[in-house]
Amino acid sequence: MATLTAITRPTGEELVDCELTHIDRSPIDFERARVQHDEYLSVLRRLGVDVVELPRLPQHPDAVFVEDTALVLPEVAVLLRPGAESRQGEVASVAEALAAYRDCFFMEAPAALDGGDVIVFGKQVLVGQTTRSNELGIQALAGLVEPFGYTVVGVPVRNVLHLKSAATVVDEETLIVYSDCVDLGFLGASLLEADPDEPQGANVVRIGDALLADASAPRTIAMLEARGERVVGVHVDEFGKAEGAISCQGLIFDS
């Protein structure tokens, strides 16, 4: 049986110098952020995930958000080219780690694409059209994954950093969305709405029969539980000050 693996990376005081696009800078308690990250790793391990911790990169404030550096599909890993120039030095060490699990392809300049903008829904790959992911990045990704049977679709995103800030996969037929920021009605899928006052509730991560959800979105969690989901609340509010969320902190895939 396949084992889930999570590629992760610790953070420290460098987090206070993170890139910001849509929110104002506010004080980040980096010690509390480290505690929250450790608790996230504990949740993954408790759910049977094999956690791989890469070395900290103090010179890269956003390096804890490893999801942005790669897309891991069952057939291949694509090393991306993050849209913020300050983040491009994070990719090499992620590539080295992923080489143990997948053949790796690399996205080249001038393409730019953040993994936080990518949702894989069956054989459809949705890519957020944001300040971090350009049309050349979308075209480059299509060229790399279409040979494996995937269709890549650009999706307009409003007022948030990434597509996954506003939508994530709940199960094979369902996504959860914050529809003020993205419209996924064209998919014809079942769409759950995060609570209007809890945009952070639209970012969830499926781990087996459990769904990781933002602990600061209780009404969204209650909605998910009412439909029969086993929800595990994860505290990520310090990372929210860096425009991060649960999914950002791990590259999770079948190994």
C-alpha atoms as a PDB file:
ATOM      1  CA  MET A   1       0.000   0.000   0.000  1.00  0.00           C
ATOM      2  CA  ALA A   2       1.268   3.486  -0.891  1.00  0.00           C
ATOM      3  CA  THR A   3       2.620   5.637   1.888  1.00  0.00           C
ATOM      4  CA  LEU A   4       2.017   9.366   2.039  1.00  0.00           C
ATOM      5  CA  THR A   5       5.202  11.418   2.215  1.00  0.00           C
ATOM      6  CA  ALA A   6       5.409  15.088   3.169  1.00  0.00           C
ATOM      7  CA  ILE A   7       8.409  17.211   2.219  1.00  0.00           C
ATOM      8  CA  THR A   8       8.627  20.029   4.785  1.00  0.00           C
ATOM      9  CA  ARG A   9      11.033  22.682   5.990  1.00  0.00           C
ATOM     10  CA  PRO A  10      11.368  24.475   9.358  1.00  0.00           C
ATOM     11  CA  THR A  11      11.304  28.244   9.798  1.00  0.00           C
ATOM     12  CA  GLY A  12      12.707  30.804  12.210  1.00  0.00           C
ATOM     13  CA  GLU A  13      13.118  34.528  12.656  1.00  0.00           C
ATOM     14  CA  GLU A  14      13.506  34.969   8.881  1.00  0.00           C
ATOM     15  CA  LEU A  15       9.725  34.528   8.550  1.00  0.00           C
ATOM     16  CA  VAL A  16       9.198  38.137   9.668  1.00  0.00           C
ATOM     17  CA  ASP A  17      10.752  39.271   6.354  1.00  0.00           C
ATOM     18  CA  CYS A  18       8.330  37.232   4.219  1.00  0.00           C
ATOM     19  CA  GLU A  19       6.990  38.475   0.890  1.00  0.00           C
ATOM     20  CA  LEU A  20       3.519  40.087   1.114  1.00  0.00           C
ATOM     21  CA  THR A  21       1.133  40.979  -1.704  1.00  0.00           C
ATOM     22  CA  HIS A  22      -2.456  41.434  -0.533  1.00  0.00           C
ATOM     23  CA  ILE A  23      -2.181  42.147   3.201  1.00  0.00           C
ATOM     24  CA  ASP A  24      -0.363  44.693   5.355  1.00  0.00           C
ATOM     25  CA  ARG A  25       2.637  43.593   7.363  1.00  0.00           C
ATOM     26  CA  SER A  26       1.872  42.810  11.000  1.00  0.00           C
ATOM     27  CA  PRO A  27       4.159  41.453  13.738  1.00  0.00           C
ATOM     28  CA  ILE A  28       4.847  37.715  13.384  1.00  0.00           C
ATOM     29  CA  ASP A  29       5.728  35.752  16.511  1.00  0.00           C
ATOM     30  CA  PHE A  30       8.250  33.450  14.872  1.00  0.00           C
ATOM     31  CA  GLU A  31       8.620  31.316  18.017  1.00  0.00           C
ATOM     32  CA  ARG A  32       4.876  30.687  17.986  1.00  0.00           C
ATOM     33  CA  ALA A  33       5.090  29.989  14.265  1.00  0.00           C
ATOM     34  CA  ARG A  34       7.719  27.329  14.961  1.00  0.00           C
ATOM     35  CA  VAL A  35       5.458  25.750  17.568  1.00  0.00           C
ATOM     36  CA  GLN A  36       2.551  25.737  15.124  1.00  0.00           C
ATOM     37  CA  HIS A  37       4.727  24.167  12.443  1.00  0.00           C
ATOM     38  CA  ASP A  38       5.904  21.464  14.872  1.00  0.00           C
ATOM     39  CA  GLU A  39       2.281  20.760  15.799  1.00  0.00           C
ATOM     40  CA  TYR A  40       1.417  20.457  12.100  1.00  0.00           C
ATOM     41  CA  LEU A  41       4.219  17.907  11.655  1.00  0.00           C
ATOM     42  CA  SER A  42       2.950  16.010  14.699  1.00  0.00           C
ATOM     43  CA  VAL A  43      -0.516  15.837  13.149  1.00  0.00           C
ATOM     44  CA  LEU A  44       0.938  14.470   9.913  1.00  0.00           C
ATOM     45  CA  ARG A  45       2.930  11.813  11.746  1.00  0.00           C
ATOM     46  CA  ARG A  46      -0.070  10.847  13.871  1.00  0.00           C
ATOM     47  CA  LEU A  47      -2.003  10.279  10.645  1.00  0.00           C
ATOM     48  CA  GLY A  48       0.719   7.977   9.318  1.00  0.00           C
ATOM     49  CA  VAL A  49       2.524  10.385   6.978  1.00  0.00           C
ATOM     50  CA  ASP A  50       6.265   9.913   6.447  1.00  0.00           C
ATOM     51  CA  VAL A  51       7.617  13.407   7.190  1.00  0.00           C
ATOM     52  CA  VAL A  52      10.847  14.503   5.510  1.00  0.00           C
ATOM     53  CA  GLU A  53      12.314  17.673   7.025  1.00  0.00           C
ATOM     54  CA  LEU A  54      14.661  19.596   4.754  1.00  0.00           C
ATOM     55  CA  PRO A  55      17.294  21.909   6.242  1.00  0.00           C
ATOM     56  CA  ARG A  56      16.153  25.376   7.247  1.00  0.00           C
ATOM     57  CA  LEU A  57      17.086  28.153   4.802  1.00  0.00           C
ATOM     58  CA  PRO A  58      17.546  31.281   6.958  1.00  0.00           C
ATOM     59  CA  GLN A  59      18.329  33.376   3.886  1.00  0.00           C
ATOM     60  CA  HIS A  60      14.913  32.574   2.373  1.00  0.00           C
ATOM     61  CA  PRO A  61      12.091  33.991   4.536  1.00  0.00           C
ATOM     62  CA  ASP A  62       9.321  32.060   2.746  1.00  0.00           C
ATOM     63  CA  ALA A  63      11.113  28.708   2.498  1.00  0.00           C
ATOM     64  CA  VAL A  64       8.765  27.055   5.012  1.00  0.00           C
ATOM     65  CA  PHE A  65       6.102  27.247   2.276  1.00  0.00           C
ATOM     66  CA  VAL A  66       7.595  24.347   0.328  1.00  0.00           C
ATOM     67  CA  GLU A  67       4.405  23.707  -1.656  1.00  0.00           C
ATOM     68  CA  ASP A  68       5.284  26.616  -3.932  1.00  0.00           C
ATOM     69  CA  THR A  69       8.451  24.989  -5.260  1.00  0.00           C
ATOM     70  CA  ALA A  70       7.075  21.860  -6.934  1.00  0.00           C
ATOM     71  CA  LEU A  71       4.091  19.932  -8.222  1.00  0.00           C
ATOM     72  CA  VAL A  72       4.193  16.201  -7.528  1.00  0.00           C
ATOM     73  CA  LEU A  73       1.978  14.003  -9.669  1.00  0.00           C
ATOM     74  CA  PRO A  74       1.823  10.197  -9.591  1.00  0.00           C
ATOM     75  CA  GLU A  75       3.864  10.081 -12.792  1.00  0.00           C
ATOM     76  CA  VAL A  76       6.392  12.899 -12.364  1.00  0.00           C
ATOM     77  CA  ALA A  77       7.559  15.847 -10.271  1.00  0.00           C
ATOM     78  CA  VAL A  78       7.709  19.303 -11.808  1.00  0.00           C
ATOM     79  CA  LEU A  79      10.109  21.732 -10.145  1.00  0.00           C
ATOM     80  CA  LEU A  80       8.474  25.108 -10.483  1.00  0.00           C
ATOM     81  CA  ARG A  81       9.862  28.613 -10.766  1.00  0.00           C
ATOM     82  CA  PRO A  82       8.320  30.734  -7.966  1.00  0.00           C
ATOM     83  CA  GLY A  83       7.047  34.126  -9.007  1.00  0.00           C
ATOM     84  CA  ALA A  84       8.889  36.016  -6.265  1.00  0.00           C
ATOM     85  CA  GLU A  85      12.559  36.280  -7.203  1.00  0.00           C
ATOM     86  CA  SER A  86      13.533  35.956  -3.532  1.00  0.00           C
ATOM     87  CA  ARG A  87      12.170  32.395  -3.540  1.00  0.00           C
ATOM     88  CA  GLN A  88      13.887  30.900  -6.557  1.00  0.00           C
ATOM     89  CA  GLY A  89      16.882  29.714  -4.531  1.00  0.00           C
ATOM     90  CA  GLU A  90      14.611  27.343  -2.588  1.00  0.00           C
ATOM     91  CA  VAL A  91      14.038  24.976  -5.507  1.00  0.00           C
ATOM     92  CA  ALA A  92      17.372  23.143  -5.755  1.00  0.00           C
ATOM     93  CA  SER A  93      17.183  21.412  -2.367  1.00  0.00           C
ATOM     94  CA  VAL A  94      13.551  20.409  -2.968  1.00  0.00           C
ATOM     95  CA  ALA A  95      14.573  18.928  -6.309  1.00  0.00           C
ATOM     96  CA  GLU A  96      17.274  16.897  -4.609  1.00  0.00           C
ATOM     97  CA  ALA A  97      14.745  15.493  -2.140  1.00  0.00           C
ATOM     98  CA  LEU A  98      12.126  14.706  -4.785  1.00  0.00           C
ATOM     99  CA  ALA A  99      14.615  12.886  -7.003  1.00  0.00           C
ATOM    100  CA  ALA A 100      14.366   9.950  -4.612  1.00  0.00           C
ATOM    101  CA  TYR A 101      10.664   9.567  -5.451  1.00  0.00           C
ATOM    102  CA  ARG A 102      10.018  10.788  -9.005  1.00  0.00           C
ATOM    103  CA  ASP A 103      11.585  11.659 -12.301  1.00  0.00           C
ATOM    104  CA  CYS A 104      11.930  15.438 -12.168  1.00  0.00           C
ATOM    105  CA  PHE A 105      11.242  18.066 -14.816  1.00  0.00           C
ATOM    106  CA  PHE A 106      12.231  21.715 -14.396  1.00  0.00           C
ATOM    107  CA  MET A 107      10.390  24.876 -15.351  1.00  0.00           C
ATOM    108  CA  GLU A 108      12.653  27.448 -17.015  1.00  0.00           C
ATOM    109  CA  ALA A 109      12.687  31.256 -17.091  1.00  0.00           C
ATOM    110  CA  PRO A 110      10.834  33.425 -17.997  1.00  0.00           C
ATOM    111  CA  ALA A 111       8.001  31.123 -16.884  1.00  0.00           C
ATOM    112  CA  ALA A 112       6.825  31.711 -13.304  1.00  0.00           C
ATOM    113  CA  LEU A 113       4.460  29.552 -11.293  1.00  0.00           C
ATOM    114  CA  ASP A 114       3.860  28.957  -7.579  1.00  0.00           C
ATOM    115  CA  GLY A 115       2.645  25.564  -6.379  1.00  0.00           C
ATOM    116  CA  GLY A 116       0.081  27.330  -4.206  1.00  0.00           C
ATOM    117  CA  ASP A 117      -1.657  28.270  -7.448  1.00  0.00           C
ATOM    118  CA  VAL A 118      -2.104  24.636  -8.532  1.00  0.00           C
ATOM    119  CA  ILE A 119      -5.064  22.378  -7.792  1.00  0.00           C
ATOM    120  CA  VAL A 120      -5.039  18.854  -9.228  1.00  0.00           C
ATOM    121  CA  PHE A 121      -8.625  17.643  -9.576  1.00  0.00           C
ATOM    122  CA  GLY A 122      -8.645  14.292 -11.281  1.00  0.00           C
ATOM    123  CA  LYS A 123      -6.896  14.833 -14.611  1.00  0.00           C
ATOM    124  CA  GLN A 124      -7.561  18.559 -14.570  1.00  0.00           C
ATOM    125  CA  VAL A 125      -4.804  20.870 -13.342  1.00  0.00           C
ATOM    126  CA  LEU A 126      -6.190  24.250 -12.355  1.00  0.00           C
ATOM    127  CA  VAL A 127      -3.679  27.091 -12.188  1.00  0.00           C
ATOM    128  CA  GLY A 128      -4.478  30.406 -10.556  1.00  0.00           C
ATOM    129  CA  GLN A 129      -3.802  33.475 -12.672  1.00  0.00           C
ATOM    130  CA  THR A 130      -2.152  35.571  -9.970  1.00  0.00           C
ATOM    131  CA  THR A 131       0.791  37.907  -9.418  1.00  0.00           C
ATOM    132  CA  ARG A 132       2.958  34.831  -8.729  1.00  0.00           C
ATOM    133  CA  SER A 133       2.020  32.684 -11.742  1.00  0.00           C
ATOM    134  CA  ASN A 134       2.195  34.049 -15.285  1.00  0.00           C
ATOM    135  CA  GLU A 135       0.800  32.819 -18.588  1.00  0.00           C
ATOM    136  CA  LEU A 136       4.210  31.520 -19.604  1.00  0.00           C
ATOM    137  CA  GLY A 137       4.223  29.416 -16.441  1.00  0.00           C
ATOM    138  CA  ILE A 138       0.806  27.996 -17.249  1.00  0.00           C
ATOM    139  CA  GLN A 139       1.915  27.183 -20.804  1.00  0.00           C
ATOM    140  CA  ALA A 140       5.150  25.610 -19.585  1.00  0.00           C
ATOM    141  CA  LEU A 141       3.294  23.441 -17.070  1.00  0.00           C
ATOM    142  CA  ALA A 142       0.877  22.319 -19.762  1.00  0.00           C
ATOM    143  CA  GLY A 143       3.775  21.271 -21.975  1.00  0.00           C
ATOM    144  CA  LEU A 144       5.256  19.188 -19.164  1.00  0.00           C
ATOM    145  CA  VAL A 145       2.127  17.410 -17.869  1.00  0.00           C
ATOM    146  CA  GLU A 146      -0.175  17.067 -20.881  1.00  0.00           C
ATOM    147  CA  PRO A 147       1.865  14.062 -22.154  1.00  0.00           C
ATOM    148  CA  PHE A 148       0.683  12.266 -18.998  1.00  0.00           C
ATOM    149  CA  GLY A 149      -2.972  12.920 -19.801  1.00  0.00           C
ATOM    150  CA  TYR A 150      -3.561  16.094 -17.798  1.00  0.00           C
ATOM    151  CA  THR A 151      -5.425  19.183 -18.978  1.00  0.00           C
ATOM    152  CA  VAL A 152      -4.181  22.520 -17.645  1.00  0.00           C
ATOM    153  CA  VAL A 153      -6.689  25.344 -17.170  1.00  0.00           C
ATOM    154  CA  GLY A 154      -5.963  28.907 -16.066  1.00  0.00           C
ATOM    155  CA  VAL A 155      -8.355  30.257 -13.426  1.00  0.00           C
ATOM    156  CA  PRO A 156      -8.807  33.966 -12.580  1.00  0.00           C
ATOM    157  CA  VAL A 157      -8.244  34.661  -8.863  1.00  0.00           C
ATOM    158  CA  ARG A 158      -9.165  37.864  -7.017  1.00  0.00           C
ATOM    159  CA  ASN A 159      -7.754  39.542  -3.912  1.00  0.00           C
ATOM    160  CA  VAL A 160      -5.745  36.620  -2.520  1.00  0.00           C
ATOM    161  CA  LEU A 161      -2.199  35.424  -3.062  1.00  0.00           C
ATOM    162  CA  HIS A 162      -2.875  31.973  -4.514  1.00  0.00           C
ATOM    163  CA  LEU A 163      -5.649  29.832  -5.931  1.00  0.00           C
ATOM    164  CA  LYS A 164      -5.324  27.556  -2.900  1.00  0.00           C
ATOM    165  CA  SER A 165      -5.989  30.572  -0.671  1.00  0.00           C
ATOM    166  CA  ALA A 166      -9.525  30.403  -2.069  1.00  0.00           C
ATOM    167  CA  ALA A 167     -10.155  26.751  -3.008  1.00  0.00           C
ATOM    168  CA  THR A 168      -8.894  23.237  -2.263  1.00  0.00           C
ATOM    169  CA  VAL A 169      -9.933  19.644  -2.875  1.00  0.00           C
ATOM    170  CA  VAL A 170     -12.136  17.889  -0.316  1.00  0.00           C
ATOM    171  CA  ASP A 171     -12.531  14.611  -2.204  1.00  0.00           C
ATOM    172  CA  GLU A 172     -12.573  13.259  -5.755  1.00  0.00           C
ATOM    173  CA  GLU A 173     -15.899  14.975  -6.501  1.00  0.00           C
ATOM    174  CA  THR A 174     -15.819  18.007  -4.211  1.00  0.00           C
ATOM    175  CA  LEU A 175     -13.943  21.241  -3.628  1.00  0.00           C
ATOM    176  CA  ILE A 176     -14.333  23.835  -0.915  1.00  0.00           C
ATOM    177  CA  VAL A 177     -14.245  27.437  -2.128  1.00  0.00           C
ATOM    178  CA  TYR A 178     -14.376  31.026  -0.954  1.00  0.00           C
ATOM    179  CA  SER A 179     -16.339  32.271  -3.914  1.00  0.00           C
ATOM    180  CA  ASP A 180     -15.645  35.977  -3.372  1.00  0.00           C
ATOM    181  CA  CYS A 181     -12.150  35.224  -4.680  1.00  0.00           C
ATOM    182  CA  VAL A 182     -12.624  32.504  -7.305  1.00  0.00           C
ATOM    183  CA  ASP A 183     -15.368  31.011  -9.470  1.00  0.00           C
ATOM    184  CA  LEU A 184     -15.063  27.280 -10.089  1.00  0.00           C
ATOM    185  CA  GLY A 185     -18.621  26.704 -11.278  1.00  0.00           C
ATOM    186  CA  PHE A 186     -17.330  25.789 -14.746  1.00  0.00           C
ATOM    187  CA  LEU A 187     -15.942  22.518 -13.343  1.00  0.00           C
ATOM    188  CA  GLY A 188     -19.370  21.005 -12.828  1.00  0.00           C
ATOM    189  CA  ALA A 189     -18.074  19.631  -9.521  1.00  0.00           C
ATOM    190  CA  SER A 190     -19.704  19.697  -6.099  1.00  0.00           C
ATOM    191  CA  LEU A 191     -18.661  22.972  -4.455  1.00  0.00           C
ATOM    192  CA  LEU A 192     -18.828  23.604  -0.724  1.00  0.00           C
ATOM    193  CA  GLU A 193     -18.765  27.215   0.454  1.00  0.00           C
ATOM    194  CA  ALA A 194     -16.459  28.238   3.271  1.00  0.00           C
ATOM    195  CA  ASP A 195     -18.224  30.443   5.795  1.00  0.00           C
ATOM    196  CA  PRO A 196     -18.407  34.027   4.442  1.00  0.00           C
ATOM    197  CA  ASP A 197     -16.529  35.295   7.493  1.00  0.00           C
ATOM    198  CA  GLU A 198     -13.871  32.557   7.311  1.00  0.00           C
ATOM    199  CA  PRO A 199     -11.986  32.810   4.013  1.00  0.00           C
ATOM    200  CA  GLN A 200      -9.164  30.799   5.610  1.00  0.00           C
ATOM    201  CA  GLY A 201     -11.591  27.879   5.824  1.00  0.00           C
ATOM    202  CA  ALA A 202     -11.231  27.288   2.074  1.00  0.00           C
ATOM    203  CA  ASN A 203      -7.761  25.810   2.560  1.00  0.00           C
ATOM    204  CA  VAL A 204      -7.949  22.147   3.603  1.00  0.00           C
ATOM    205  CA  VAL A 205      -5.681  19.137   3.127  1.00  0.00           C
ATOM    206  CA  ARG A 206      -6.877  15.544   2.713  1.00  0.00           C
ATOM    207  CA  ILE A 207      -4.844  12.939   4.624  1.00  0.00           C
ATOM    208  CA  GLY A 208      -6.523   9.559   4.232  1.00  0.00           C
ATOM    209  CA  ASP A 209      -9.883   9.672   5.983  1.00  0.00           C
ATOM    210  CA  ALA A 210      -9.031  12.944   7.747  1.00  0.00           C
ATOM    211  CA  LEU A 211      -9.312  16.516   6.554  1.00  0.00           C
ATOM    212  CA  LEU A 212      -6.918  19.092   7.970  1.00  0.00           C
ATOM    213  CA  ALA A 213      -8.668  22.448   8.365  1.00  0.00           C
ATOM    214  CA  ASP A 214      -7.785  25.831   9.829  1.00  0.00           C
ATOM    215  CA  ALA A 215      -8.630  25.804  13.531  1.00  0.00           C
ATOM    216  CA  SER A 216      -9.587  29.487  13.297  1.00  0.00           C
ATOM    217  CA  ALA A 217     -12.540  28.631  10.997  1.00  0.00           C
ATOM    218  CA  PRO A 218     -14.969  26.897  13.413  1.00  0.00           C
ATOM    219  CA  ARG A 219     -18.127  27.433  11.369  1.00  0.00           C
ATOM    220  CA  THR A 220     -16.509  25.988   8.267  1.00  0.00           C
ATOM    221  CA  ILE A 221     -15.245  23.052  10.305  1.00  0.00           C
ATOM    222  CA  ALA A 222     -18.762  22.492  11.664  1.00  0.00           C
ATOM    223  CA  MET A 223     -20.108  22.459   8.103  1.00  0.00           C
ATOM    224  CA  LEU A 224     -17.539  19.877   7.058  1.00  0.00           C
ATOM    225  CA  GLU A 225     -18.243  17.716  10.098  1.00  0.00           C
ATOM    226  CA  ALA A 226     -21.984  17.908   9.408  1.00  0.00           C
ATOM    227  CA  ARG A 227     -21.375  16.259   6.035  1.00  0.00           C
ATOM    228  CA  GLY A 228     -19.516  13.427   7.759  1.00  0.00           C
ATOM    229  CA  GLU A 229     -15.906  14.546   7.506  1.00  0.00           C
ATOM    230  CA  ARG A 230     -13.364  13.686  10.177  1.00  0.00           C
ATOM    231  CA  VAL A 231     -11.795  17.117  10.632  1.00  0.00           C
ATOM    232  CA  VAL A 232      -8.491  17.810  12.385  1.00  0.00           C
ATOM    233  CA  GLY A 233      -8.042  21.468  13.298  1.00  0.00           C
ATOM    234  CA  VAL A 234      -4.581  22.909  12.671  1.00  0.00           C
ATOM    235  CA  HIS A 235      -3.396  26.258  14.039  1.00  0.00           C
ATOM    236  CA  VAL A 236      -1.731  28.376  11.340  1.00  0.00           C
ATOM    237  CA  ASP A 237      -2.632  31.945  12.249  1.00  0.00           C
ATOM    238  CA  GLU A 238       0.998  33.100  12.504  1.00  0.00           C
ATOM    239  CA  PHE A 239       1.547  31.812   8.965  1.00  0.00           C
ATOM    240  CA  GLY A 240      -1.606  33.614   7.881  1.00  0.00           C
ATOM    241  CA  LYS A 241       0.259  36.859   8.612  1.00  0.00           C
ATOM    242  CA  ALA A 242       2.688  35.715   5.895  1.00  0.00           C
ATOM    243  CA  GLU A 243      -0.190  34.899   3.486  1.00  0.00           C
ATOM    244  CA  GLY A 244       0.361  31.206   4.225  1.00  0.00           C
ATOM    245  CA  ALA A 245      -2.064  28.392   5.021  1.00  0.00           C
ATOM    246  CA  ILE A 246      -2.071  24.694   5.891  1.00  0.00           C
ATOM    247  CA  SER A 247      -1.343  23.338   2.426  1.00  0.00           C
ATOM    248  CA  CYS A 248       1.638  25.679   1.918  1.00  0.00           C
ATOM    249  CA  GLN A 249       3.731  23.933   4.557  1.00  0.00           C
ATOM    250  CA  GLY A 250       4.031  20.525   2.921  1.00  0.00           C
ATOM    251  CA  LEU A 251       4.510  18.813  -0.414  1.00  0.00           C
ATOM    252  CA  ILE A 252       2.364  15.749   0.248  1.00  0.00           C
ATOM    253  CA  PHE A 253       2.225  12.831  -2.199  1.00  0.00           C
ATOM    254  CA  ASP A 254       1.933   9.056  -2.514  1.00  0.00           C
ATOM    255  CA  SER A 255       5.390   7.531  -2.372  1.00  0.00           C
END
